[in-house]
Amino acid sequence: MASLVEELVSVLEQELHIYEQLAELGEQKRQILIQSDVPALEKLTVLEQEASTELLAFSNKQTELLNDIATVLGKNPQEVTVTRLIGFLEEQPGVQQKLSEARDHLIETAELVNRQNELNGILIHQAMELLEFDITLFKSMRQAPETANYDRNAYNTGMLLGNSGFDAKQ
């Protein structure tokens, strides 16, 4: 079982490394959103997707290891979590401490990434609102004022203004 726990600590450390990468990417994303650099945002999104795919693989490996440890301990695999496993390792304080530290660092970094994602979501929402405002502004610049201009079929005319240029013969 010790080798399974050591492998679990290794997987948690690898997950931590990916979360740290995601935290760095989140900071870069914030700057890119502020600068409105769409091509850079597309590249960054690809990197985030790759990191997320790696993270999913390590998460699956973590679940597999926890199931194996539960089998060795004779526990229900659905009930064994990293936190509960730390409690089961009271007789092995060194391994318990390593696992506890790996879990704590992973939780801290995941929370940091979550906060960054929330802030970036707010920035994206504000950018979308600004874009919607700009579109509405441009539409209103081309729209004629509301008047009672009707044609002979009782349809309102003059909803759009003509081109702002003019022809002049010299």
N, C-alpha and C. Protein backbone atom coordinates (compact mmCIF):
# COMPACT_ATOMS: atom_id res chain seq x y z
N MET A 1 0.82 -1.20 0.00
CA MET A 1 0.00 0.00 0.00
C MET A 1 0.86 1.26 0.00
N ALA A 2 2.04 1.18 0.58
CA ALA A 2 2.91 2.36 0.64
C ALA A 2 3.25 2.85 -0.75
N SER A 3 3.47 1.92 -1.67
CA SER A 3 3.81 2.33 -3.03
C SER A 3 2.61 3.01 -3.70
N LEU A 4 1.40 2.54 -3.40
CA LEU A 4 0.19 3.17 -3.95
C LEU A 4 0.05 4.60 -3.43
N VAL A 5 0.31 4.79 -2.15
CA VAL A 5 0.20 6.12 -1.55
C VAL A 5 1.28 7.04 -2.12
N GLU A 6 2.50 6.52 -2.28
CA GLU A 6 3.57 7.32 -2.88
C GLU A 6 3.21 7.71 -4.31
N GLU A 7 2.62 6.79 -5.05
CA GLU A 7 2.20 7.09 -6.42
C GLU A 7 1.08 8.13 -6.42
N LEU A 8 0.18 8.05 -5.43
CA LEU A 8 -0.89 9.04 -5.31
C LEU A 8 -0.31 10.43 -5.01
N VAL A 9 0.69 10.49 -4.14
CA VAL A 9 1.35 11.77 -3.84
C VAL A 9 1.98 12.32 -5.12
N SER A 10 2.60 11.46 -5.90
CA SER A 10 3.22 11.87 -7.15
C SER A 10 2.18 12.43 -8.12
N VAL A 11 1.04 11.75 -8.22
CA VAL A 11 -0.04 12.22 -9.10
C VAL A 11 -0.56 13.57 -8.62
N LEU A 12 -0.73 13.73 -7.32
CA LEU A 12 -1.20 15.02 -6.78
C LEU A 12 -0.21 16.13 -7.07
N GLU A 13 1.08 15.82 -7.00
CA GLU A 13 2.10 16.83 -7.30
C GLU A 13 2.08 17.20 -8.78
N GLN A 14 1.83 16.22 -9.64
CA GLN A 14 1.73 16.51 -11.08
C GLN A 14 0.48 17.35 -11.36
N GLU A 15 -0.62 17.03 -10.66
CA GLU A 15 -1.82 17.86 -10.80
C GLU A 15 -1.55 19.28 -10.34
N LEU A 16 -0.82 19.41 -9.24
CA LEU A 16 -0.46 20.74 -8.73
C LEU A 16 0.34 21.52 -9.77
N HIS A 17 1.28 20.84 -10.42
CA HIS A 17 2.09 21.50 -11.45
C HIS A 17 1.19 22.02 -12.58
N ILE A 18 0.22 21.24 -12.98
CA ILE A 18 -0.69 21.68 -14.07
C ILE A 18 -1.56 22.84 -13.59
N TYR A 19 -2.04 22.77 -12.35
CA TYR A 19 -2.82 23.89 -11.82
C TYR A 19 -1.98 25.17 -11.75
N GLU A 20 -0.70 25.03 -11.42
CA GLU A 20 0.18 26.20 -11.41
C GLU A 20 0.32 26.78 -12.82
N GLN A 21 0.41 25.89 -13.81
CA GLN A 21 0.45 26.36 -15.21
C GLN A 21 -0.84 27.09 -15.55
N LEU A 22 -1.97 26.52 -15.13
CA LEU A 22 -3.26 27.16 -15.39
C LEU A 22 -3.36 28.52 -14.69
N ALA A 23 -2.76 28.63 -13.51
CA ALA A 23 -2.76 29.92 -12.80
C ALA A 23 -1.97 30.95 -13.59
N GLU A 24 -0.82 30.54 -14.13
CA GLU A 24 -0.02 31.46 -14.95
C GLU A 24 -0.79 31.85 -16.21
N LEU A 25 -1.44 30.87 -16.84
CA LEU A 25 -2.23 31.16 -18.03
C LEU A 25 -3.41 32.08 -17.70
N GLY A 26 -3.98 31.91 -16.52
CA GLY A 26 -5.08 32.77 -16.10
C GLY A 26 -4.64 34.22 -15.95
N GLU A 27 -3.44 34.41 -15.43
CA GLU A 27 -2.90 35.77 -15.29
C GLU A 27 -2.64 36.37 -16.67
N GLN A 28 -2.08 35.56 -17.57
CA GLN A 28 -1.84 36.04 -18.93
C GLN A 28 -3.17 36.36 -19.62
N LYS A 29 -4.17 35.54 -19.37
CA LYS A 29 -5.48 35.75 -19.98
C LYS A 29 -6.07 37.08 -19.53
N ARG A 30 -5.88 37.41 -18.25
CA ARG A 30 -6.40 38.68 -17.74
C ARG A 30 -5.79 39.84 -18.51
N GLN A 31 -4.47 39.79 -18.70
CA GLN A 31 -3.80 40.87 -19.43
C GLN A 31 -4.26 40.91 -20.89
N ILE A 32 -4.45 39.74 -21.48
CA ILE A 32 -4.89 39.68 -22.88
C ILE A 32 -6.31 40.24 -23.01
N LEU A 33 -7.17 39.93 -22.05
CA LEU A 33 -8.54 40.46 -22.08
C LEU A 33 -8.54 41.97 -21.93
N ILE A 34 -7.68 42.47 -21.07
CA ILE A 34 -7.60 43.92 -20.88
C ILE A 34 -7.13 44.60 -22.17
N GLN A 35 -6.19 43.95 -22.87
CA GLN A 35 -5.66 44.51 -24.11
C GLN A 35 -6.55 44.21 -25.32
N SER A 36 -7.55 43.37 -25.15
CA SER A 36 -8.45 42.95 -26.24
C SER A 36 -7.68 42.34 -27.42
N ASP A 37 -6.74 41.48 -27.11
CA ASP A 37 -5.91 40.82 -28.12
C ASP A 37 -6.52 39.45 -28.45
N VAL A 38 -7.42 39.42 -29.43
CA VAL A 38 -8.16 38.20 -29.75
C VAL A 38 -7.25 37.08 -30.25
N PRO A 39 -6.30 37.32 -31.16
CA PRO A 39 -5.43 36.22 -31.59
C PRO A 39 -4.64 35.58 -30.44
N ALA A 40 -4.14 36.40 -29.53
CA ALA A 40 -3.42 35.87 -28.37
C ALA A 40 -4.36 35.08 -27.46
N LEU A 41 -5.61 35.53 -27.35
CA LEU A 41 -6.60 34.83 -26.54
C LEU A 41 -6.89 33.45 -27.13
N GLU A 42 -6.96 33.37 -28.45
CA GLU A 42 -7.19 32.08 -29.10
C GLU A 42 -6.04 31.11 -28.81
N LYS A 43 -4.80 31.59 -28.90
CA LYS A 43 -3.63 30.75 -28.62
C LYS A 43 -3.63 30.29 -27.16
N LEU A 44 -3.97 31.21 -26.27
CA LEU A 44 -3.98 30.89 -24.86
C LEU A 44 -5.07 29.86 -24.55
N THR A 45 -6.20 29.97 -25.21
CA THR A 45 -7.29 29.03 -25.00
C THR A 45 -6.88 27.62 -25.40
N VAL A 46 -6.10 27.51 -26.47
CA VAL A 46 -5.60 26.19 -26.89
C VAL A 46 -4.70 25.61 -25.80
N LEU A 47 -3.82 26.43 -25.23
CA LEU A 47 -2.95 25.97 -24.15
C LEU A 47 -3.75 25.54 -22.92
N GLU A 48 -4.80 26.29 -22.61
CA GLU A 48 -5.65 25.93 -21.47
C GLU A 48 -6.35 24.60 -21.73
N GLN A 49 -6.80 24.38 -22.95
CA GLN A 49 -7.46 23.13 -23.28
C GLN A 49 -6.50 21.95 -23.14
N GLU A 50 -5.26 22.13 -23.59
CA GLU A 50 -4.26 21.07 -23.45
C GLU A 50 -3.99 20.77 -21.98
N ALA A 51 -3.86 21.81 -21.17
CA ALA A 51 -3.63 21.61 -19.73
C ALA A 51 -4.83 20.92 -19.08
N SER A 52 -6.03 21.29 -19.50
CA SER A 52 -7.24 20.66 -18.95
C SER A 52 -7.31 19.19 -19.31
N THR A 53 -6.88 18.85 -20.51
CA THR A 53 -6.86 17.44 -20.92
C THR A 53 -5.88 16.64 -20.07
N GLU A 54 -4.69 17.22 -19.83
CA GLU A 54 -3.72 16.57 -18.96
C GLU A 54 -4.27 16.43 -17.54
N LEU A 55 -4.92 17.46 -17.06
CA LEU A 55 -5.48 17.45 -15.72
C LEU A 55 -6.53 16.35 -15.58
N LEU A 56 -7.34 16.18 -16.60
CA LEU A 56 -8.36 15.13 -16.57
C LEU A 56 -7.71 13.75 -16.50
N ALA A 57 -6.62 13.55 -17.23
CA ALA A 57 -5.92 12.26 -17.20
C ALA A 57 -5.37 11.99 -15.80
N PHE A 58 -4.78 13.00 -15.15
CA PHE A 58 -4.26 12.81 -13.81
C PHE A 58 -5.39 12.61 -12.79
N SER A 59 -6.49 13.26 -13.01
CA SER A 59 -7.64 13.08 -12.12
C SER A 59 -8.17 11.65 -12.21
N ASN A 60 -8.21 11.12 -13.43
CA ASN A 60 -8.63 9.73 -13.60
C ASN A 60 -7.64 8.78 -12.93
N LYS A 61 -6.36 9.07 -13.04
CA LYS A 61 -5.32 8.26 -12.40
C LYS A 61 -5.47 8.33 -10.88
N GLN A 62 -5.78 9.51 -10.37
CA GLN A 62 -5.99 9.68 -8.92
C GLN A 62 -7.17 8.82 -8.46
N THR A 63 -8.25 8.85 -9.20
CA THR A 63 -9.43 8.04 -8.85
C THR A 63 -9.10 6.55 -8.87
N GLU A 64 -8.34 6.15 -9.88
CA GLU A 64 -7.94 4.74 -10.00
C GLU A 64 -7.08 4.33 -8.80
N LEU A 65 -6.14 5.17 -8.42
CA LEU A 65 -5.29 4.86 -7.26
C LEU A 65 -6.09 4.81 -5.97
N LEU A 66 -7.02 5.75 -5.80
CA LEU A 66 -7.86 5.73 -4.60
C LEU A 66 -8.70 4.46 -4.54
N ASN A 67 -9.19 4.00 -5.68
CA ASN A 67 -9.95 2.74 -5.71
C ASN A 67 -9.06 1.56 -5.34
N ASP A 68 -7.82 1.54 -5.83
CA ASP A 68 -6.89 0.46 -5.49
C ASP A 68 -6.56 0.49 -4.00
N ILE A 69 -6.34 1.67 -3.45
CA ILE A 69 -6.03 1.79 -2.02
C ILE A 69 -7.24 1.35 -1.20
N ALA A 70 -8.44 1.70 -1.64
CA ALA A 70 -9.64 1.28 -0.92
C ALA A 70 -9.76 -0.24 -0.91
N THR A 71 -9.42 -0.86 -2.02
CA THR A 71 -9.47 -2.32 -2.09
C THR A 71 -8.47 -2.94 -1.12
N VAL A 72 -7.25 -2.39 -1.06
CA VAL A 72 -6.23 -2.90 -0.14
C VAL A 72 -6.67 -2.73 1.31
N LEU A 73 -7.32 -1.59 1.60
CA LEU A 73 -7.77 -1.32 2.97
C LEU A 73 -9.06 -2.06 3.32
N GLY A 74 -9.72 -2.61 2.32
CA GLY A 74 -10.99 -3.28 2.56
C GLY A 74 -12.12 -2.30 2.78
N LYS A 75 -12.03 -1.14 2.20
CA LYS A 75 -13.05 -0.09 2.33
C LYS A 75 -13.84 0.02 1.03
N ASN A 76 -14.97 0.70 1.11
CA ASN A 76 -15.78 0.96 -0.08
C ASN A 76 -15.07 2.04 -0.91
N PRO A 77 -14.78 1.76 -2.20
CA PRO A 77 -14.07 2.75 -3.02
C PRO A 77 -14.80 4.09 -3.13
N GLN A 78 -16.11 4.09 -2.98
CA GLN A 78 -16.88 5.33 -3.07
C GLN A 78 -16.65 6.23 -1.86
N GLU A 79 -16.22 5.63 -0.75
CA GLU A 79 -16.06 6.39 0.48
C GLU A 79 -14.63 6.88 0.72
N VAL A 80 -13.66 6.35 -0.02
CA VAL A 80 -12.26 6.71 0.21
C VAL A 80 -11.91 7.95 -0.61
N THR A 81 -11.55 9.00 0.10
CA THR A 81 -11.08 10.24 -0.53
C THR A 81 -9.67 10.49 -0.02
N VAL A 82 -9.01 11.48 -0.58
CA VAL A 82 -7.66 11.81 -0.12
C VAL A 82 -7.70 12.24 1.34
N THR A 83 -8.69 13.02 1.72
CA THR A 83 -8.80 13.48 3.11
C THR A 83 -9.00 12.30 4.06
N ARG A 84 -9.88 11.38 3.69
CA ARG A 84 -10.09 10.21 4.55
C ARG A 84 -8.86 9.31 4.58
N LEU A 85 -8.17 9.22 3.47
CA LEU A 85 -6.96 8.41 3.42
C LEU A 85 -5.91 8.98 4.37
N ILE A 86 -5.84 10.29 4.46
CA ILE A 86 -4.90 10.92 5.41
C ILE A 86 -5.23 10.47 6.83
N GLY A 87 -6.51 10.37 7.14
CA GLY A 87 -6.92 9.89 8.46
C GLY A 87 -6.57 8.43 8.69
N PHE A 88 -6.60 7.61 7.62
CA PHE A 88 -6.26 6.19 7.75
C PHE A 88 -4.77 5.96 7.98
N LEU A 89 -3.95 6.94 7.65
CA LEU A 89 -2.49 6.78 7.71
C LEU A 89 -1.89 7.29 9.01
N GLU A 90 -2.61 7.19 10.12
CA GLU A 90 -2.11 7.68 11.40
C GLU A 90 -0.84 6.97 11.85
N GLU A 91 -0.67 5.69 11.48
CA GLU A 91 0.51 4.94 11.88
C GLU A 91 1.74 5.30 11.06
N GLN A 92 1.56 6.04 9.95
CA GLN A 92 2.67 6.42 9.08
C GLN A 92 2.70 7.95 8.96
N PRO A 93 3.21 8.64 9.97
CA PRO A 93 3.15 10.11 9.98
C PRO A 93 3.92 10.77 8.83
N GLY A 94 5.00 10.16 8.37
CA GLY A 94 5.76 10.76 7.26
C GLY A 94 4.96 10.77 5.97
N VAL A 95 4.37 9.64 5.66
CA VAL A 95 3.55 9.53 4.45
C VAL A 95 2.29 10.39 4.59
N GLN A 96 1.73 10.39 5.80
CA GLN A 96 0.53 11.18 6.07
C GLN A 96 0.81 12.67 5.85
N GLN A 97 1.98 13.13 6.30
CA GLN A 97 2.34 14.54 6.14
C GLN A 97 2.54 14.89 4.68
N LYS A 98 3.23 14.03 3.91
CA LYS A 98 3.44 14.28 2.49
C LYS A 98 2.11 14.40 1.76
N LEU A 99 1.23 13.46 2.03
CA LEU A 99 -0.08 13.45 1.37
C LEU A 99 -0.90 14.67 1.76
N SER A 100 -0.83 15.03 3.03
CA SER A 100 -1.57 16.19 3.52
C SER A 100 -1.05 17.49 2.87
N GLU A 101 0.26 17.63 2.77
CA GLU A 101 0.84 18.83 2.16
C GLU A 101 0.49 18.90 0.67
N ALA A 102 0.56 17.76 -0.01
CA ALA A 102 0.23 17.73 -1.44
C ALA A 102 -1.23 18.13 -1.65
N ARG A 103 -2.12 17.61 -0.81
CA ARG A 103 -3.53 17.95 -0.91
C ARG A 103 -3.76 19.43 -0.65
N ASP A 104 -3.14 19.95 0.41
CA ASP A 104 -3.33 21.36 0.77
C ASP A 104 -2.84 22.30 -0.33
N HIS A 105 -1.66 22.00 -0.89
CA HIS A 105 -1.13 22.85 -1.97
C HIS A 105 -2.04 22.77 -3.20
N LEU A 106 -2.53 21.59 -3.48
CA LEU A 106 -3.42 21.41 -4.63
C LEU A 106 -4.71 22.21 -4.44
N ILE A 107 -5.27 22.17 -3.26
CA ILE A 107 -6.51 22.91 -2.97
C ILE A 107 -6.27 24.42 -3.09
N GLU A 108 -5.17 24.90 -2.54
CA GLU A 108 -4.86 26.34 -2.60
C GLU A 108 -4.73 26.81 -4.05
N THR A 109 -4.00 26.04 -4.84
CA THR A 109 -3.76 26.44 -6.23
C THR A 109 -5.06 26.34 -7.05
N ALA A 110 -5.85 25.32 -6.79
CA ALA A 110 -7.12 25.19 -7.51
C ALA A 110 -8.05 26.35 -7.16
N GLU A 111 -8.05 26.78 -5.92
CA GLU A 111 -8.87 27.94 -5.53
C GLU A 111 -8.37 29.21 -6.20
N LEU A 112 -7.06 29.36 -6.32
CA LEU A 112 -6.49 30.51 -7.02
C LEU A 112 -6.94 30.52 -8.48
N VAL A 113 -6.86 29.37 -9.14
CA VAL A 113 -7.30 29.27 -10.54
C VAL A 113 -8.79 29.59 -10.65
N ASN A 114 -9.56 29.14 -9.69
CA ASN A 114 -11.00 29.41 -9.70
C ASN A 114 -11.28 30.91 -9.58
N ARG A 115 -10.57 31.59 -8.68
CA ARG A 115 -10.74 33.04 -8.52
C ARG A 115 -10.34 33.78 -9.80
N GLN A 116 -9.24 33.35 -10.41
CA GLN A 116 -8.82 33.97 -11.66
C GLN A 116 -9.86 33.77 -12.75
N ASN A 117 -10.43 32.57 -12.82
CA ASN A 117 -11.46 32.30 -13.82
C ASN A 117 -12.69 33.18 -13.60
N GLU A 118 -13.06 33.39 -12.34
CA GLU A 118 -14.19 34.26 -12.05
C GLU A 118 -13.91 35.69 -12.49
N LEU A 119 -12.71 36.19 -12.18
CA LEU A 119 -12.35 37.55 -12.60
C LEU A 119 -12.31 37.67 -14.12
N ASN A 120 -11.74 36.68 -14.77
CA ASN A 120 -11.69 36.70 -16.23
C ASN A 120 -13.09 36.62 -16.83
N GLY A 121 -13.98 35.88 -16.18
CA GLY A 121 -15.36 35.82 -16.63
C GLY A 121 -16.03 37.19 -16.54
N ILE A 122 -15.75 37.91 -15.47
CA ILE A 122 -16.29 39.27 -15.31
C ILE A 122 -15.75 40.18 -16.41
N LEU A 123 -14.44 40.06 -16.70
CA LEU A 123 -13.85 40.88 -17.77
C LEU A 123 -14.49 40.55 -19.12
N ILE A 124 -14.71 39.29 -19.38
CA ILE A 124 -15.35 38.89 -20.65
C ILE A 124 -16.76 39.44 -20.73
N HIS A 125 -17.49 39.35 -19.62
CA HIS A 125 -18.86 39.87 -19.59
C HIS A 125 -18.88 41.38 -19.86
N GLN A 126 -17.95 42.10 -19.23
CA GLN A 126 -17.89 43.55 -19.45
C GLN A 126 -17.51 43.87 -20.90
N ALA A 127 -16.62 43.07 -21.47
CA ALA A 127 -16.24 43.29 -22.88
C ALA A 127 -17.44 43.04 -23.79
N MET A 128 -18.23 42.04 -23.47
CA MET A 128 -19.43 41.76 -24.27
C MET A 128 -20.45 42.90 -24.15
N GLU A 129 -20.62 43.43 -22.95
CA GLU A 129 -21.53 44.56 -22.77
C GLU A 129 -21.06 45.78 -23.56
N LEU A 130 -19.76 46.04 -23.54
CA LEU A 130 -19.21 47.16 -24.28
C LEU A 130 -19.40 46.95 -25.78
N LEU A 131 -19.20 45.76 -26.25
CA LEU A 131 -19.40 45.43 -27.66
C LEU A 131 -20.86 45.63 -28.05
N GLU A 132 -21.77 45.18 -27.20
CA GLU A 132 -23.20 45.36 -27.46
C GLU A 132 -23.56 46.84 -27.51
N PHE A 133 -22.98 47.64 -26.61
CA PHE A 133 -23.21 49.07 -26.61
C PHE A 133 -22.72 49.70 -27.91
N ASP A 134 -21.51 49.30 -28.35
CA ASP A 134 -20.96 49.83 -29.60
C ASP A 134 -21.84 49.49 -30.79
N ILE A 135 -22.33 48.27 -30.84
CA ILE A 135 -23.20 47.85 -31.95
C ILE A 135 -24.49 48.68 -31.95
N THR A 136 -25.07 48.86 -30.77
CA THR A 136 -26.29 49.66 -30.66
C THR A 136 -26.02 51.10 -31.07
N LEU A 137 -24.89 51.63 -30.69
CA LEU A 137 -24.53 52.99 -31.06
C LEU A 137 -24.40 53.13 -32.57
N PHE A 138 -23.71 52.19 -33.20
CA PHE A 138 -23.54 52.26 -34.65
C PHE A 138 -24.88 52.11 -35.37
N LYS A 139 -25.75 51.26 -34.86
CA LYS A 139 -27.08 51.11 -35.47
C LYS A 139 -27.87 52.41 -35.35
N SER A 140 -27.79 53.04 -34.19
CA SER A 140 -28.57 54.26 -33.98
C SER A 140 -28.03 55.43 -34.81
N MET A 141 -26.76 55.37 -35.16
CA MET A 141 -26.21 56.43 -36.00
C MET A 141 -26.81 56.39 -37.41
N ARG A 142 -27.22 55.22 -37.86
CA ARG A 142 -27.77 55.07 -39.20
C ARG A 142 -29.30 55.18 -39.21
N GLN A 143 -29.90 55.21 -38.06
CA GLN A 143 -31.35 55.22 -37.99
C GLN A 143 -31.88 56.65 -37.97
N ALA A 144 -32.92 56.86 -38.71
CA ALA A 144 -33.53 58.19 -38.78
C ALA A 144 -34.35 58.42 -37.51
N PRO A 145 -34.56 59.68 -37.18
CA PRO A 145 -35.40 59.95 -36.01
C PRO A 145 -36.85 59.53 -36.29
N GLU A 146 -37.56 59.21 -35.23
CA GLU A 146 -38.96 58.80 -35.37
C GLU A 146 -39.80 59.99 -35.84
N THR A 147 -40.41 59.83 -36.98
CA THR A 147 -41.30 60.86 -37.52
C THR A 147 -42.55 60.18 -38.04
N ALA A 148 -43.47 60.98 -38.44
CA ALA A 148 -44.73 60.45 -38.97
C ALA A 148 -44.70 60.49 -40.49
N ASN A 149 -43.66 59.94 -41.07
CA ASN A 149 -43.57 59.88 -42.53
C ASN A 149 -44.12 58.55 -43.00
N TYR A 150 -45.23 58.61 -43.73
CA TYR A 150 -45.86 57.40 -44.24
C TYR A 150 -45.96 57.48 -45.74
N ASP A 151 -45.88 56.31 -46.39
CA ASP A 151 -46.13 56.30 -47.83
C ASP A 151 -47.61 56.06 -48.06
N ARG A 152 -48.02 55.96 -49.32
CA ARG A 152 -49.46 55.87 -49.59
C ARG A 152 -50.07 54.54 -49.15
N ASN A 153 -49.23 53.54 -48.82
CA ASN A 153 -49.75 52.26 -48.31
C ASN A 153 -49.75 52.22 -46.79
N ALA A 154 -49.55 53.32 -46.16
CA ALA A 154 -49.57 53.49 -44.71
C ALA A 154 -48.40 52.79 -44.02
N TYR A 155 -47.28 52.67 -44.74
CA TYR A 155 -46.06 52.13 -44.12
C TYR A 155 -45.16 53.29 -43.72
N ASN A 156 -44.50 53.11 -42.60
CA ASN A 156 -43.58 54.14 -42.12
C ASN A 156 -42.36 54.17 -43.04
N THR A 157 -41.98 55.35 -43.44
CA THR A 157 -40.80 55.50 -44.29
C THR A 157 -39.73 56.26 -43.55
N GLY A 158 -38.54 56.19 -44.05
CA GLY A 158 -37.46 56.98 -43.47
C GLY A 158 -36.87 56.39 -42.21
N MET A 159 -36.86 55.04 -42.07
CA MET A 159 -36.27 54.43 -40.88
C MET A 159 -34.75 54.48 -40.92
N LEU A 160 -34.15 54.41 -42.11
CA LEU A 160 -32.71 54.49 -42.24
C LEU A 160 -32.31 55.72 -43.01
N LEU A 161 -31.26 56.32 -42.57
CA LEU A 161 -30.74 57.47 -43.29
C LEU A 161 -29.94 56.98 -44.49
N GLY A 162 -29.83 57.81 -45.48
CA GLY A 162 -29.02 57.46 -46.64
C GLY A 162 -27.55 57.56 -46.31
N ASN A 163 -26.72 57.32 -47.30
CA ASN A 163 -25.27 57.44 -47.10
C ASN A 163 -24.93 58.86 -46.71
N SER A 164 -23.87 58.99 -45.96
CA SER A 164 -23.51 60.31 -45.47
C SER A 164 -22.74 61.12 -46.52
N GLY A 165 -22.33 60.49 -47.60
CA GLY A 165 -21.63 61.21 -48.66
C GLY A 165 -22.63 61.85 -49.61
N PHE A 166 -22.14 62.65 -50.55
CA PHE A 166 -23.02 63.26 -51.54
C PHE A 166 -22.29 63.35 -52.86
N ASP A 167 -23.06 63.41 -53.93
CA ASP A 167 -22.49 63.57 -55.26
C ASP A 167 -22.53 65.04 -55.63
N ALA A 168 -21.48 65.51 -56.17
CA ALA A 168 -21.45 66.90 -56.63
C ALA A 168 -20.73 66.93 -57.97
N LYS A 169 -21.39 67.53 -58.93
CA LYS A 169 -20.75 67.68 -60.24
C LYS A 169 -20.10 69.03 -60.29
N GLN A 170 -18.97 69.05 -60.87
CA GLN A 170 -18.28 70.33 -60.97
C GLN A 170 -18.20 70.76 -62.40
